[in-house]
PDB file of all heavy atoms in Angstrom:
ATOM      1  N   LEU A   1      82.102  79.890 105.671  1.00  0.00           N
ATOM      2  CA  LEU A   1      80.974  80.810 105.769  1.00  0.00           C
ATOM      3  C   LEU A   1      79.661  80.044 106.008  1.00  0.00           C
ATOM      4  O   LEU A   1      78.853  80.432 106.848  1.00  0.00           O
ATOM      5  CB  LEU A   1      80.861  81.650 104.489  1.00  0.00           C
ATOM      6  CG  LEU A   1      82.006  82.636 104.240  1.00  0.00           C
ATOM      7  CD1 LEU A   1      81.938  83.184 102.827  1.00  0.00           C
ATOM      8  CD2 LEU A   1      81.958  83.790 105.245  1.00  0.00           C
ATOM      9  N   LEU A   2      79.464  78.959 105.281  1.00  0.00           N
ATOM     10  CA  LEU A   2      78.227  78.190 105.427  1.00  0.00           C
ATOM     11  C   LEU A   2      78.134  77.545 106.808  1.00  0.00           C
ATOM     12  O   LEU A   2      77.026  77.320 107.313  1.00  0.00           O
ATOM     13  CB  LEU A   2      78.149  77.115 104.347  1.00  0.00           C
ATOM     14  CG  LEU A   2      77.916  77.626 102.910  1.00  0.00           C
ATOM     15  CD1 LEU A   2      77.979  76.487 101.924  1.00  0.00           C
ATOM     16  CD2 LEU A   2      76.579  78.346 102.815  1.00  0.00           C
ATOM     17  N   ALA A   3      79.267  77.274 107.435  1.00  0.00           N
ATOM     18  CA  ALA A   3      79.251  76.658 108.752  1.00  0.00           C
ATOM     19  C   ALA A   3      78.615  77.571 109.806  1.00  0.00           C
ATOM     20  O   ALA A   3      78.202  77.103 110.868  1.00  0.00           O
ATOM     21  CB  ALA A   3      80.678  76.289 109.188  1.00  0.00           C
ATOM     22  N   ARG A   4      78.521  78.870 109.519  1.00  0.00           N
ATOM     23  CA  ARG A   4      77.892  79.808 110.458  1.00  0.00           C
ATOM     24  C   ARG A   4      76.370  79.713 110.412  1.00  0.00           C
ATOM     25  O   ARG A   4      75.686  80.304 111.241  1.00  0.00           O
ATOM     26  CB  ARG A   4      78.347  81.242 110.200  1.00  0.00           C
ATOM     27  CG  ARG A   4      79.853  81.475 110.336  1.00  0.00           C
ATOM     28  CD  ARG A   4      80.451  80.839 111.592  1.00  0.00           C
ATOM     29  NE  ARG A   4      79.655  81.020 112.778  1.00  0.00           N
ATOM     30  CZ  ARG A   4      79.706  82.072 113.580  1.00  0.00           C
ATOM     31  NH1 ARG A   4      80.556  83.050 113.299  1.00  0.00           N
ATOM     32  NH2 ARG A   4      78.961  82.160 114.651  1.00  0.00           N
ATOM     33  N   ARG A   5      75.839  79.051 109.415  1.00  0.00           N
ATOM     34  CA  ARG A   5      74.400  78.768 109.311  1.00  0.00           C
ATOM     35  C   ARG A   5      73.547  80.030 109.328  1.00  0.00           C
ATOM     36  O   ARG A   5      72.518  80.121 110.011  1.00  0.00           O
ATOM     37  CB  ARG A   5      73.949  77.820 110.430  1.00  0.00           C
ATOM     38  CG  ARG A   5      74.661  76.475 110.382  1.00  0.00           C
ATOM     39  CD  ARG A   5      74.103  75.505 111.404  1.00  0.00           C
ATOM     40  NE  ARG A   5      74.801  74.224 111.361  1.00  0.00           N
ATOM     41  CZ  ARG A   5      74.558  73.263 110.489  1.00  0.00           C
ATOM     42  NH1 ARG A   5      73.592  73.433 109.581  1.00  0.00           N
ATOM     43  NH2 ARG A   5      75.240  72.120 110.525  1.00  0.00           N
ATOM     44  N   ALA A   6      73.984  81.035 108.588  1.00  0.00           N
ATOM     45  CA  ALA A   6      73.166  82.235 108.416  1.00  0.00           C
ATOM     46  C   ALA A   6      72.008  81.930 107.481  1.00  0.00           C
ATOM     47  O   ALA A   6      72.038  80.964 106.706  1.00  0.00           O
ATOM     48  CB  ALA A   6      74.014  83.366 107.844  1.00  0.00           C
ATOM     49  N   ARG A   7      70.974  82.710 107.546  1.00  0.00           N
ATOM     50  CA  ARG A   7      69.838  82.505 106.645  1.00  0.00           C
ATOM     51  C   ARG A   7      70.276  82.687 105.197  1.00  0.00           C
ATOM     52  O   ARG A   7      69.935  81.900 104.313  1.00  0.00           O
ATOM     53  CB  ARG A   7      68.712  83.478 106.972  1.00  0.00           C
ATOM     54  CG  ARG A   7      67.536  83.385 106.000  1.00  0.00           C
ATOM     55  CD  ARG A   7      66.546  84.514 106.206  1.00  0.00           C
ATOM     56  NE  ARG A   7      65.811  84.337 107.452  1.00  0.00           N
ATOM     57  CZ  ARG A   7      64.991  85.257 107.947  1.00  0.00           C
ATOM     58  NH1 ARG A   7      64.850  86.420 107.326  1.00  0.00           N
ATOM     59  NH2 ARG A   7      64.344  85.027 109.072  1.00  0.00           N
ATOM     60  N   LEU A   8      71.051  83.747 104.927  1.00  0.00           N
ATOM     61  CA  LEU A   8      71.559  84.004 103.584  1.00  0.00           C
ATOM     62  C   LEU A   8      73.054  84.217 103.657  1.00  0.00           C
ATOM     63  O   LEU A   8      73.539  84.978 104.499  1.00  0.00           O
ATOM     64  CB  LEU A   8      70.878  85.241 102.963  1.00  0.00           C
ATOM     65  CG  LEU A   8      71.392  85.670 101.583  1.00  0.00           C
ATOM     66  CD1 LEU A   8      71.009  84.615 100.525  1.00  0.00           C
ATOM     67  CD2 LEU A   8      70.838  87.025 101.184  1.00  0.00           C
ATOM     68  N   THR A   9      73.791  83.535 102.784  1.00  0.00           N
ATOM     69  CA  THR A   9      75.232  83.717 102.670  1.00  0.00           C
ATOM     70  C   THR A   9      75.545  84.174 101.256  1.00  0.00           C
ATOM     71  O   THR A   9      75.091  83.556 100.295  1.00  0.00           O
ATOM     72  CB  THR A   9      75.977  82.412 102.974  1.00  0.00           C
ATOM     73  OG1 THR A   9      75.689  81.981 104.312  1.00  0.00           O
ATOM     74  CG2 THR A   9      77.480  82.603 102.845  1.00  0.00           C
ATOM     75  N   VAL A  10      76.317  85.242 101.131  1.00  0.00           N
ATOM     76  CA  VAL A  10      76.700  85.783  99.829  1.00  0.00           C
ATOM     77  C   VAL A  10      78.223  85.801  99.761  1.00  0.00           C
ATOM     78  O   VAL A  10      78.871  86.472 100.573  1.00  0.00           O
ATOM     79  CB  VAL A  10      76.148  87.216  99.605  1.00  0.00           C
ATOM     80  CG1 VAL A  10      76.566  87.740  98.235  1.00  0.00           C
ATOM     81  CG2 VAL A  10      74.623  87.223  99.737  1.00  0.00           C
ATOM     82  N   LEU A  11      78.794  85.073  98.795  1.00  0.00           N
ATOM     83  CA  LEU A  11      80.237  85.041  98.592  1.00  0.00           C
ATOM     84  C   LEU A  11      80.540  85.577  97.200  1.00  0.00           C
ATOM     85  O   LEU A  11      80.066  85.036  96.193  1.00  0.00           O
ATOM     86  CB  LEU A  11      80.781  83.623  98.742  1.00  0.00           C
ATOM     87  CG  LEU A  11      82.264  83.429  98.377  1.00  0.00           C
ATOM     88  CD1 LEU A  11      83.154  84.327  99.229  1.00  0.00           C
ATOM     89  CD2 LEU A  11      82.677  81.974  98.524  1.00  0.00           C
ATOM     90  N   LEU A  12      81.325  86.650  97.144  1.00  0.00           N
ATOM     91  CA  LEU A  12      81.708  87.290  95.895  1.00  0.00           C
ATOM     92  C   LEU A  12      83.228  87.313  95.822  1.00  0.00           C
ATOM     93  O   LEU A  12      83.898  87.721  96.776  1.00  0.00           O
ATOM     94  CB  LEU A  12      81.174  88.719  95.812  1.00  0.00           C
ATOM     95  CG  LEU A  12      79.678  88.908  96.106  1.00  0.00           C
ATOM     96  CD1 LEU A  12      79.335  90.388  96.176  1.00  0.00           C
ATOM     97  CD2 LEU A  12      78.824  88.215  95.056  1.00  0.00           C
ATOM     98  N   THR A  13      83.798  86.874  94.697  1.00  0.00           N
ATOM     99  CA  THR A  13      85.247  86.926  94.530  1.00  0.00           C
ATOM    100  C   THR A  13      85.590  87.628  93.221  1.00  0.00           C
ATOM    101  O   THR A  13      85.001  87.369  92.181  1.00  0.00           O
ATOM    102  CB  THR A  13      85.884  85.517  94.544  1.00  0.00           C
ATOM    103  OG1 THR A  13      85.189  84.687  93.612  1.00  0.00           O
ATOM    104  CG2 THR A  13      85.789  84.907  95.933  1.00  0.00           C
ATOM    105  N   ASP A  14      86.547  88.560  93.333  1.00  0.00           N
ATOM    106  CA  ASP A  14      87.027  89.324  92.174  1.00  0.00           C
ATOM    107  C   ASP A  14      88.545  89.186  92.135  1.00  0.00           C
ATOM    108  O   ASP A  14      89.200  89.110  93.191  1.00  0.00           O
ATOM    109  CB  ASP A  14      86.614  90.783  92.297  1.00  0.00           C
ATOM    110  CG  ASP A  14      86.618  91.521  90.979  1.00  0.00           C
ATOM    111  OD1 ASP A  14      87.060  90.921  89.977  1.00  0.00           O
ATOM    112  OD2 ASP A  14      86.181  92.689  90.930  1.00  0.00           O
ATOM    113  N   ALA A  15      89.104  89.129  90.947  1.00  0.00           N
ATOM    114  CA  ALA A  15      90.557  88.954  90.810  1.00  0.00           C
ATOM    115  C   ALA A  15      91.076  89.853  89.708  1.00  0.00           C
ATOM    116  O   ALA A  15      91.536  89.390  88.657  1.00  0.00           O
ATOM    117  CB  ALA A  15      90.867  87.495  90.499  1.00  0.00           C
ATOM    118  N   PRO A  16      91.013  91.185  89.892  1.00  0.00           N
ATOM    119  CA  PRO A  16      91.446  92.109  88.841  1.00  0.00           C
ATOM    120  C   PRO A  16      92.914  91.899  88.481  1.00  0.00           C
ATOM    121  O   PRO A  16      93.770  91.677  89.337  1.00  0.00           O
ATOM    122  CB  PRO A  16      91.224  93.489  89.454  1.00  0.00           C
ATOM    123  CG  PRO A  16      90.263  93.276  90.572  1.00  0.00           C
ATOM    124  CD  PRO A  16      90.523  91.906  91.085  1.00  0.00           C
ATOM    125  N   ALA A  17      93.214  92.010  87.198  1.00  0.00           N
ATOM    126  CA  ALA A  17      94.599  91.860  86.721  1.00  0.00           C
ATOM    127  C   ALA A  17      94.807  92.786  85.518  1.00  0.00           C
ATOM    128  O   ALA A  17      93.844  93.302  84.957  1.00  0.00           O
ATOM    129  CB  ALA A  17      94.870  90.411  86.331  1.00  0.00           C
ATOM    130  N   TYR A  18      96.054  93.003  85.156  1.00  0.00           N
ATOM    131  CA  TYR A  18      96.399  93.794  83.976  1.00  0.00           C
ATOM    132  C   TYR A  18      95.897  95.232  84.079  1.00  0.00           C
ATOM    133  O   TYR A  18      95.202  95.731  83.204  1.00  0.00           O
ATOM    134  CB  TYR A  18      95.864  93.150  82.697  1.00  0.00           C
ATOM    135  CG  TYR A  18      96.410  91.783  82.440  1.00  0.00           C
ATOM    136  CD1 TYR A  18      95.588  90.665  82.566  1.00  0.00           C
ATOM    137  CD2 TYR A  18      97.737  91.586  82.089  1.00  0.00           C
ATOM    138  CE1 TYR A  18      96.084  89.394  82.350  1.00  0.00           C
ATOM    139  CE2 TYR A  18      98.241  90.316  81.869  1.00  0.00           C
ATOM    140  CZ  TYR A  18      97.406  89.227  82.002  1.00  0.00           C
ATOM    141  OH  TYR A  18      97.889  87.977  81.807  1.00  0.00           O
ATOM    142  N   ARG A  19      96.253  95.889  85.138  1.00  0.00           N
ATOM    143  CA  ARG A  19      95.887  97.301  85.230  1.00  0.00           C
ATOM    144  C   ARG A  19      96.630  98.081  84.170  1.00  0.00           C
ATOM    145  O   ARG A  19      97.851  97.934  83.990  1.00  0.00           O
ATOM    146  CB  ARG A  19      96.230  97.834  86.618  1.00  0.00           C
ATOM    147  CG  ARG A  19      95.864  99.297  86.778  1.00  0.00           C
ATOM    148  CD  ARG A  19      96.375  99.844  88.103  1.00  0.00           C
ATOM    149  NE  ARG A  19      96.050 101.241  88.247  1.00  0.00           N
ATOM    150  CZ  ARG A  19      96.626 102.060  89.115  1.00  0.00           C
ATOM    151  NH1 ARG A  19      97.580 101.588  89.912  1.00  0.00           N
ATOM    152  NH2 ARG A  19      96.279 103.316  89.192  1.00  0.00           N
ATOM    153  N   VAL A  20      95.906  98.923  83.450  1.00  0.00           N
ATOM    154  CA  VAL A  20      96.498  99.691  82.364  1.00  0.00           C
ATOM    155  C   VAL A  20      96.512 101.174  82.733  1.00  0.00           C
ATOM    156  O   VAL A  20      95.535 101.715  83.217  1.00  0.00           O
ATOM    157  CB  VAL A  20      95.692  99.491  81.059  1.00  0.00           C
ATOM    158  CG1 VAL A  20      96.232 100.397  79.962  1.00  0.00           C
ATOM    159  CG2 VAL A  20      95.769  98.037  80.624  1.00  0.00           C
ATOM    160  N   LEU A  21      97.664 101.812  82.534  1.00  0.00           N
ATOM    161  CA  LEU A  21      97.798 103.250  82.718  1.00  0.00           C
ATOM    162  C   LEU A  21      98.271 103.858  81.403  1.00  0.00           C
ATOM    163  O   LEU A  21      99.013 103.217  80.654  1.00  0.00           O
ATOM    164  CB  LEU A  21      98.814 103.551  83.834  1.00  0.00           C
ATOM    165  CG  LEU A  21      98.388 103.151  85.253  1.00  0.00           C
ATOM    166  CD1 LEU A  21      99.525 103.399  86.228  1.00  0.00           C
ATOM    167  CD2 LEU A  21      97.146 103.940  85.668  1.00  0.00           C
ATOM    168  N   PRO A  22      97.925 105.071  81.080  1.00  0.00           N
ATOM    169  CA  PRO A  22      97.049 105.963  81.861  1.00  0.00           C
ATOM    170  C   PRO A  22      95.584 105.522  81.810  1.00  0.00           C
ATOM    171  O   PRO A  22      95.221 104.657  81.027  1.00  0.00           O
ATOM    172  CB  PRO A  22      97.250 107.306  81.140  1.00  0.00           C
ATOM    173  CG  PRO A  22      97.512 106.914  79.726  1.00  0.00           C
ATOM    174  CD  PRO A  22      98.325 105.670  79.808  1.00  0.00           C
ATOM    175  N   GLU A  23      94.764 106.158  82.663  1.00  0.00           N
ATOM    176  CA  GLU A  23      93.354 105.818  82.710  1.00  0.00           C
ATOM    177  C   GLU A  23      92.708 106.091  81.354  1.00  0.00           C
ATOM    178  O   GLU A  23      92.981 107.104  80.704  1.00  0.00           O
ATOM    179  CB  GLU A  23      92.636 106.623  83.794  1.00  0.00           C
ATOM    180  CG  GLU A  23      93.262 106.497  85.178  1.00  0.00           C
ATOM    181  CD  GLU A  23      93.186 105.083  85.734  1.00  0.00           C
ATOM    182  OE1 GLU A  23      92.553 104.238  85.096  1.00  0.00           O
ATOM    183  OE2 GLU A  23      93.760 104.841  86.796  1.00  0.00           O
ATOM    184  N   MET A  24      91.850 105.173  80.930  1.00  0.00           N
ATOM    185  CA  MET A  24      91.271 105.259  79.599  1.00  0.00           C
ATOM    186  C   MET A  24      89.932 105.968  79.559  1.00  0.00           C
ATOM    187  O   MET A  24      89.477 106.419  78.512  1.00  0.00           O
ATOM    188  CB  MET A  24      91.075 103.843  79.045  1.00  0.00           C
ATOM    189  CG  MET A  24      92.371 103.059  78.847  1.00  0.00           C
ATOM    190  SD  MET A  24      93.419 103.779  77.538  1.00  0.00           S
ATOM    191  CE  MET A  24      94.589 104.717  78.512  1.00  0.00           C
ATOM    192  N   LEU A  25      89.265 106.060  80.712  1.00  0.00           N
ATOM    193  CA  LEU A  25      87.890 106.587  80.755  1.00  0.00           C
ATOM    194  C   LEU A  25      87.761 107.660  81.825  1.00  0.00           C
ATOM    195  O   LEU A  25      88.621 107.757  82.730  1.00  0.00           O
ATOM    196  CB  LEU A  25      86.912 105.449  81.048  1.00  0.00           C
ATOM    197  CG  LEU A  25      86.827 104.328  80.001  1.00  0.00           C
ATOM    198  CD1 LEU A  25      85.980 103.180  80.504  1.00  0.00           C
ATOM    199  CD2 LEU A  25      86.281 104.859  78.668  1.00  0.00           C
ATOM    200  N   PRO A  26      86.702 108.464  81.785  1.00  0.00           N
ATOM    201  CA  PRO A  26      86.475 109.434  82.868  1.00  0.00           C
ATOM    202  C   PRO A  26      86.309 108.711  84.194  1.00  0.00           C
ATOM    203  O   PRO A  26      86.029 107.507  84.229  1.00  0.00           O
ATOM    204  CB  PRO A  26      85.188 110.132  82.440  1.00  0.00           C
ATOM    205  CG  PRO A  26      85.067 109.888  80.977  1.00  0.00           C
ATOM    206  CD  PRO A  26      85.700 108.561  80.708  1.00  0.00           C
ATOM    207  N   PRO A  27      86.463 109.414  85.313  1.00  0.00           N
ATOM    208  CA  PRO A  27      86.350 108.747  86.610  1.00  0.00           C
ATOM    209  C   PRO A  27      85.005 108.049  86.771  1.00  0.00           C
ATOM    210  O   PRO A  27      83.958 108.540  86.328  1.00  0.00           O
ATOM    211  CB  PRO A  27      86.493 109.913  87.607  1.00  0.00           C
ATOM    212  CG  PRO A  27      87.243 110.959  86.852  1.00  0.00           C
ATOM    213  CD  PRO A  27      86.810 110.842  85.433  1.00  0.00           C
ATOM    214  N   TYR A  28      85.040 106.879  87.402  1.00  0.00           N
ATOM    215  CA  TYR A  28      83.813 106.141  87.664  1.00  0.00           C
ATOM    216  C   TYR A  28      83.040 106.778  88.804  1.00  0.00           C
ATOM    217  O   TYR A  28      83.620 107.165  89.823  1.00  0.00           O
ATOM    218  CB  TYR A  28      84.153 104.691  88.046  1.00  0.00           C
ATOM    219  CG  TYR A  28      82.989 103.947  88.634  1.00  0.00           C
ATOM    220  CD1 TYR A  28      82.000 103.408  87.815  1.00  0.00           C
ATOM    221  CD2 TYR A  28      82.847 103.802  90.016  1.00  0.00           C
ATOM    222  CE1 TYR A  28      80.912 102.744  88.353  1.00  0.00           C
ATOM    223  CE2 TYR A  28      81.779 103.124  90.566  1.00  0.00           C
ATOM    224  CZ  TYR A  28      80.808 102.606  89.728  1.00  0.00           C
ATOM    225  OH  TYR A  28      79.718 101.951  90.276  1.00  0.00           O
ATOM    226  N   ARG A  29      81.742 106.913  88.629  1.00  0.00           N
ATOM    227  CA  ARG A  29      80.881 107.423  89.688  1.00  0.00           C
ATOM    228  C   ARG A  29      79.704 106.461  89.838  1.00  0.00           C
ATOM    229  O   ARG A  29      79.003 106.185  88.860  1.00  0.00           O
ATOM    230  CB  ARG A  29      80.375 108.830  89.362  1.00  0.00           C
ATOM    231  CG  ARG A  29      81.498 109.859  89.274  1.00  0.00           C
ATOM    232  CD  ARG A  29      80.958 111.281  89.223  1.00  0.00           C
ATOM    233  NE  ARG A  29      82.032 112.230  89.088  1.00  0.00           N
ATOM    234  CZ  ARG A  29      82.479 112.751  87.950  1.00  0.00           C
ATOM    235  NH1 ARG A  29      81.879 112.378  86.818  1.00  0.00           N
ATOM    236  NH2 ARG A  29      83.454 113.603  87.929  1.00  0.00           N
ATOM    237  N   PRO A  30      79.454 105.967  91.032  1.00  0.00           N
ATOM    238  CA  PRO A  30      78.323 105.067  91.227  1.00  0.00           C
ATOM    239  C   PRO A  30      77.011 105.787  91.023  1.00  0.00           C
ATOM    240  O   PRO A  30      76.938 107.023  91.137  1.00  0.00           O
ATOM    241  CB  PRO A  30      78.487 104.601  92.688  1.00  0.00           C
ATOM    242  CG  PRO A  30      79.272 105.685  93.349  1.00  0.00           C
ATOM    243  CD  PRO A  30      80.190 106.232  92.282  1.00  0.00           C
TER     244      PRO A  30
END
């Protein structure tokens, strides 16, 4: 990504694990 030489580079990594069912909370709303 940095090799593209953009003014701003944003790298975000997420690695969710251990999904639990049934859902514990009301639906998420942004």
